[in-house]
C-alpha atoms as a PDB file:
ATOM      1  CA  UNK A   1      -0.099 -38.149 -64.787  1.00  0.00           C
ATOM      2  CA  UNK A   2       1.574 -40.127 -61.855  1.00  0.00           C
ATOM      3  CA  UNK A   3       3.040 -36.756 -60.101  1.00  0.00           C
ATOM      4  CA  UNK A   4      -0.352 -35.569 -58.719  1.00  0.00           C
ATOM      5  CA  UNK A   5      -1.049 -38.688 -57.049  1.00  0.00           C
ATOM      6  CA  UNK A   6       2.550 -39.000 -55.738  1.00  0.00           C
ATOM      7  CA  UNK A   7       2.274 -35.419 -54.439  1.00  0.00           C
ATOM      8  CA  UNK A   8      -1.057 -36.068 -52.733  1.00  0.00           C
ATOM      9  CA  UNK A   9       0.482 -39.197 -50.972  1.00  0.00           C
ATOM     10  CA  UNK A  10       3.376 -37.061 -49.785  1.00  0.00           C
ATOM     11  CA  UNK A  11       1.060 -34.384 -48.432  1.00  0.00           C
ATOM     12  CA  UNK A  12      -1.276 -36.862 -46.689  1.00  0.00           C
ATOM     13  CA  UNK A  13       1.664 -38.639 -45.151  1.00  0.00           C
ATOM     14  CA  UNK A  14       2.923 -35.294 -43.861  1.00  0.00           C
ATOM     15  CA  UNK A  15      -0.544 -34.447 -42.510  1.00  0.00           C
ATOM     16  CA  UNK A  16      -0.997 -37.694 -40.620  1.00  0.00           C
ATOM     17  CA  UNK A  17       2.603 -37.637 -39.048  1.00  0.00           C
ATOM     18  CA  UNK A  18       2.217 -34.020 -37.850  1.00  0.00           C
ATOM     19  CA  UNK A  19      -1.406 -34.615 -36.682  1.00  0.00           C
ATOM     20  CA  UNK A  20      -0.412 -37.479 -34.590  1.00  0.00           C
ATOM     21  CA  UNK A  21       0.561 -36.228 -31.049  1.00  0.00           C
ATOM     22  CA  UNK A  22       1.704 -38.144 -28.145  1.00  0.00           C
ATOM     23  CA  UNK A  23      -0.828 -38.703 -25.553  1.00  0.00           C
ATOM     24  CA  UNK A  24       1.785 -37.904 -22.920  1.00  0.00           C
ATOM     25  CA  UNK A  25       2.383 -34.093 -23.701  1.00  0.00           C
ATOM     26  CA  UNK A  26       2.508 -33.066 -20.037  1.00  0.00           C
ATOM     27  CA  UNK A  27       5.870 -32.128 -18.706  1.00  0.00           C
ATOM     28  CA  UNK A  28       7.818 -34.557 -16.919  1.00  0.00           C
ATOM     29  CA  UNK A  29       8.592 -33.915 -13.293  1.00  0.00           C
ATOM     30  CA  UNK A  30      12.521 -34.556 -12.810  1.00  0.00           C
ATOM     31  CA  UNK A  31      12.211 -35.267  -9.009  1.00  0.00           C
ATOM     32  CA  UNK A  32       9.171 -35.387  -6.592  1.00  0.00           C
ATOM     33  CA  UNK A  33       9.322 -34.018  -3.185  1.00  0.00           C
ATOM     34  CA  UNK A  34       9.314 -37.595  -1.860  1.00  0.00           C
ATOM     35  CA  UNK A  35      12.199 -38.584  -3.848  1.00  0.00           C
ATOM     36  CA  UNK A  36      14.083 -35.605  -2.498  1.00  0.00           C
ATOM     37  CA  UNK A  37      14.087 -36.954   1.051  1.00  0.00           C
ATOM     38  CA  UNK A  38      17.211 -38.893  -0.062  1.00  0.00           C
ATOM     39  CA  UNK A  39      19.010 -35.461   0.176  1.00  0.00           C
ATOM     40  CA  UNK A  40      18.090 -34.326   3.377  1.00  0.00           C
ATOM     41  CA  UNK A  41      16.185 -37.238   5.206  1.00  0.00           C
ATOM     42  CA  UNK A  42      13.596 -36.376   7.943  1.00  0.00           C
ATOM     43  CA  UNK A  43      15.744 -33.733   9.362  1.00  0.00           C
ATOM     44  CA  UNK A  44      19.375 -33.267   7.597  1.00  0.00           C
ATOM     45  CA  UNK A  45      22.106 -35.358   5.843  1.00  0.00           C
ATOM     46  CA  UNK A  46      25.510 -34.677   5.422  1.00  0.00           C
ATOM     47  CA  UNK A  47      27.402 -35.452   2.012  1.00  0.00           C
ATOM     48  CA  UNK A  48      31.081 -35.056   1.242  1.00  0.00           C
ATOM     49  CA  UNK A  49      32.428 -33.410  -1.994  1.00  0.00           C
ATOM     50  CA  UNK A  50      34.159 -36.239  -3.852  1.00  0.00           C
ATOM     51  CA  UNK A  51      34.846 -34.308  -7.075  1.00  0.00           C
ATOM     52  CA  UNK A  52      34.614 -30.747  -8.650  1.00  0.00           C
ATOM     53  CA  UNK A  53      34.693 -30.901 -12.465  1.00  0.00           C
ATOM     54  CA  UNK A  54      35.346 -27.827 -14.808  1.00  0.00           C
ATOM     55  CA  UNK A  55      34.223 -29.863 -17.957  1.00  0.00           C
ATOM     56  CA  UNK A  56      32.555 -33.239 -16.677  1.00  0.00           C
ATOM     57  CA  UNK A  57      31.819 -34.236 -20.341  1.00  0.00           C
ATOM     58  CA  UNK A  58      35.732 -34.036 -21.116  1.00  0.00           C
ATOM     59  CA  UNK A  59      36.624 -35.628 -17.635  1.00  0.00           C
ATOM     60  CA  UNK A  60      38.521 -32.262 -16.701  1.00  0.00           C
ATOM     61  CA  UNK A  61      38.535 -31.596 -13.053  1.00  0.00           C
ATOM     62  CA  UNK A  62      38.489 -27.974 -11.966  1.00  0.00           C
ATOM     63  CA  UNK A  63      41.563 -26.410 -10.650  1.00  0.00           C
ATOM     64  CA  UNK A  64      39.717 -26.124  -7.310  1.00  0.00           C
ATOM     65  CA  UNK A  65      38.946 -29.878  -7.078  1.00  0.00           C
ATOM     66  CA  UNK A  66      41.394 -30.378  -4.266  1.00  0.00           C
ATOM     67  CA  UNK A  67      40.078 -27.661  -2.031  1.00  0.00           C
ATOM     68  CA  UNK A  68      36.536 -28.724  -2.449  1.00  0.00           C
ATOM     69  CA  UNK A  69      37.129 -32.493  -1.504  1.00  0.00           C
ATOM     70  CA  UNK A  70      37.458 -31.796   1.848  1.00  0.00           C
ATOM     71  CA  UNK A  71      34.134 -29.757   2.213  1.00  0.00           C
ATOM     72  CA  UNK A  72      31.057 -31.161   3.780  1.00  0.00           C
ATOM     73  CA  UNK A  73      27.634 -29.971   2.751  1.00  0.00           C
ATOM     74  CA  UNK A  74      24.635 -30.702   5.145  1.00  0.00           C
ATOM     75  CA  UNK A  75      21.384 -30.289   3.674  1.00  0.00           C
ATOM     76  CA  UNK A  76      18.373 -29.185   6.013  1.00  0.00           C
ATOM     77  CA  UNK A  77      14.931 -30.454   5.615  1.00  0.00           C
ATOM     78  CA  UNK A  78      13.338 -27.461   7.400  1.00  0.00           C
ATOM     79  CA  UNK A  79      15.013 -24.543   5.385  1.00  0.00           C
ATOM     80  CA  UNK A  80      16.492 -24.202   1.897  1.00  0.00           C
ATOM     81  CA  UNK A  81      19.903 -23.701   3.611  1.00  0.00           C
ATOM     82  CA  UNK A  82      22.972 -25.852   3.204  1.00  0.00           C
ATOM     83  CA  UNK A  83      25.538 -25.803   6.167  1.00  0.00           C
ATOM     84  CA  UNK A  84      28.859 -25.928   4.675  1.00  0.00           C
ATOM     85  CA  UNK A  85      31.895 -26.952   6.704  1.00  0.00           C
ATOM     86  CA  UNK A  86      35.068 -25.990   4.589  1.00  0.00           C
ATOM     87  CA  UNK A  87      38.202 -27.990   4.918  1.00  0.00           C
ATOM     88  CA  UNK A  88      41.616 -26.580   5.713  1.00  0.00           C
ATOM     89  CA  UNK A  89      42.759 -26.262   2.018  1.00  0.00           C
ATOM     90  CA  UNK A  90      42.066 -22.710   0.367  1.00  0.00           C
ATOM     91  CA  UNK A  91      41.098 -22.444  -3.131  1.00  0.00           C
ATOM     92  CA  UNK A  92      42.808 -19.229  -3.842  1.00  0.00           C
ATOM     93  CA  UNK A  93      45.681 -19.114  -1.535  1.00  0.00           C
ATOM     94  CA  UNK A  94      47.582 -21.567   0.349  1.00  0.00           C
ATOM     95  CA  UNK A  95      46.549 -20.237   3.609  1.00  0.00           C
ATOM     96  CA  UNK A  96      43.643 -17.963   3.164  1.00  0.00           C
ATOM     97  CA  UNK A  97      42.895 -15.414   6.084  1.00  0.00           C
ATOM     98  CA  UNK A  98      39.215 -16.322   5.945  1.00  0.00           C
ATOM     99  CA  UNK A  99      37.140 -18.850   3.626  1.00  0.00           C
ATOM    100  CA  UNK A 100      33.349 -18.676   3.171  1.00  0.00           C
ATOM    101  CA  UNK A 101      30.755 -20.770   1.306  1.00  0.00           C
ATOM    102  CA  UNK A 102      27.099 -19.829   1.143  1.00  0.00           C
ATOM    103  CA  UNK A 103      24.999 -22.687  -0.476  1.00  0.00           C
ATOM    104  CA  UNK A 104      21.184 -22.696  -0.783  1.00  0.00           C
ATOM    105  CA  UNK A 105      18.870 -24.761  -2.549  1.00  0.00           C
ATOM    106  CA  UNK A 106      15.467 -24.270  -4.313  1.00  0.00           C
ATOM    107  CA  UNK A 107      12.904 -27.058  -5.338  1.00  0.00           C
ATOM    108  CA  UNK A 108      10.286 -26.095  -7.957  1.00  0.00           C
ATOM    109  CA  UNK A 109       7.488 -28.616  -7.465  1.00  0.00           C
ATOM    110  CA  UNK A 110       6.046 -27.964 -10.766  1.00  0.00           C
ATOM    111  CA  UNK A 111       9.058 -28.974 -12.989  1.00  0.00           C
ATOM    112  CA  UNK A 112      10.650 -31.246 -10.158  1.00  0.00           C
ATOM    113  CA  UNK A 113      13.914 -29.327 -10.521  1.00  0.00           C
ATOM    114  CA  UNK A 114      16.345 -28.932  -7.554  1.00  0.00           C
ATOM    115  CA  UNK A 115      18.597 -26.090  -7.972  1.00  0.00           C
ATOM    116  CA  UNK A 116      21.895 -25.463  -5.756  1.00  0.00           C
ATOM    117  CA  UNK A 117      22.867 -21.883  -5.551  1.00  0.00           C
ATOM    118  CA  UNK A 118      26.763 -21.817  -4.813  1.00  0.00           C
ATOM    119  CA  UNK A 119      28.806 -18.909  -3.688  1.00  0.00           C
ATOM    120  CA  UNK A 120      32.297 -19.283  -2.350  1.00  0.00           C
ATOM    121  CA  UNK A 121      35.026 -16.653  -1.629  1.00  0.00           C
ATOM    122  CA  UNK A 122      38.170 -16.195   0.406  1.00  0.00           C
ATOM    123  CA  UNK A 123      40.417 -13.211   1.509  1.00  0.00           C
ATOM    124  CA  UNK A 124      44.190 -12.970   1.906  1.00  0.00           C
ATOM    125  CA  UNK A 125      45.508  -9.789   3.142  1.00  0.00           C
ATOM    126  CA  UNK A 126      43.824  -7.072   1.064  1.00  0.00           C
ATOM    127  CA  UNK A 127      43.039  -9.654  -1.822  1.00  0.00           C
ATOM    128  CA  UNK A 128      39.451 -11.221  -2.342  1.00  0.00           C
ATOM    129  CA  UNK A 129      38.414 -13.768  -4.707  1.00  0.00           C
ATOM    130  CA  UNK A 130      35.054 -15.362  -5.133  1.00  0.00           C
ATOM    131  CA  UNK A 131      32.808 -17.575  -7.646  1.00  0.00           C
ATOM    132  CA  UNK A 132      29.096 -17.981  -7.962  1.00  0.00           C
ATOM    133  CA  UNK A 133      27.309 -20.539  -9.944  1.00  0.00           C
ATOM    134  CA  UNK A 134      24.041 -22.520 -10.254  1.00  0.00           C
ATOM    135  CA  UNK A 135      23.648 -26.264 -10.446  1.00  0.00           C
ATOM    136  CA  UNK A 136      20.907 -28.567 -11.055  1.00  0.00           C
ATOM    137  CA  UNK A 137      20.392 -32.035  -9.442  1.00  0.00           C
ATOM    138  CA  UNK A 138      20.584 -34.509 -12.314  1.00  0.00           C
ATOM    139  CA  UNK A 139      21.201 -37.757 -10.761  1.00  0.00           C
ATOM    140  CA  UNK A 140      20.524 -38.950  -7.475  1.00  0.00           C
ATOM    141  CA  UNK A 141      20.895 -42.284  -5.255  1.00  0.00           C
ATOM    142  CA  UNK A 142      20.615 -43.018  -1.610  1.00  0.00           C
ATOM    143  CA  UNK A 143      24.502 -42.538  -1.556  1.00  0.00           C
ATOM    144  CA  UNK A 144      25.359 -40.168  -4.318  1.00  0.00           C
ATOM    145  CA  UNK A 145      24.206 -36.742  -5.529  1.00  0.00           C
ATOM    146  CA  UNK A 146      25.341 -35.334  -9.115  1.00  0.00           C
ATOM    147  CA  UNK A 147      24.542 -31.733  -9.641  1.00  0.00           C
ATOM    148  CA  UNK A 148      25.776 -30.295 -13.087  1.00  0.00           C
ATOM    149  CA  UNK A 149      25.256 -27.561 -15.476  1.00  0.00           C
ATOM    150  CA  UNK A 150      24.613 -28.212 -19.331  1.00  0.00           C
ATOM    151  CA  UNK A 151      22.789 -30.471 -21.358  1.00  0.00           C
ATOM    152  CA  UNK A 152      22.441 -34.209 -20.353  1.00  0.00           C
ATOM    153  CA  UNK A 153      25.610 -35.870 -21.360  1.00  0.00           C
ATOM    154  CA  UNK A 154      27.419 -32.651 -22.167  1.00  0.00           C
ATOM    155  CA  UNK A 155      27.768 -31.331 -18.507  1.00  0.00           C
ATOM    156  CA  UNK A 156      30.425 -28.804 -17.788  1.00  0.00           C
ATOM    157  CA  UNK A 157      30.625 -27.821 -14.261  1.00  0.00           C
ATOM    158  CA  UNK A 158      29.874 -30.560 -12.018  1.00  0.00           C
ATOM    159  CA  UNK A 159      29.749 -31.517  -8.288  1.00  0.00           C
ATOM    160  CA  UNK A 160      29.584 -34.946  -7.085  1.00  0.00           C
ATOM    161  CA  UNK A 161      28.849 -35.752  -3.306  1.00  0.00           C
ATOM    162  CA  UNK A 162      28.528 -38.919  -1.433  1.00  0.00           C
ATOM    163  CA  UNK A 163      26.653 -39.543   1.899  1.00  0.00           C
ATOM    164  CA  UNK A 164      28.588 -39.614   4.901  1.00  0.00           C
ATOM    165  CA  UNK A 165      27.505 -42.499   6.959  1.00  0.00           C
END
């Protein structure tokens, strides 16, 4: 009757492995408020868009990449606003009558998530086109910001910004 002993050994192993918990069950903070000073400094910092991807994991640039690459985002420390200086190239029409970009950021101190809320629109005559999306800060260095949506390593929409010195 080896089966009952074997069965007990399996049950005991399952109990031991499922009962063992990591000592570090607390949620990880993605970025601290101190780290985020790299984004806006003591007052503000300006960043140029260097790439806008429709699907980063497949290295597919957005159809709007060229019109984004001449934009400058100035992150302000005293508000959650981002001043956007749009370049001359339109996203929807070669020479739009008007271009508008509204960008805000939100920081959740408990999770350390830094979210970029992005809206952009253009008019040409009686026509209007726009897009709206949220991106999360995924990677950050003193000279580069990487905002993306999707799972780590499988990002779809991504905006990459580099510090203007």
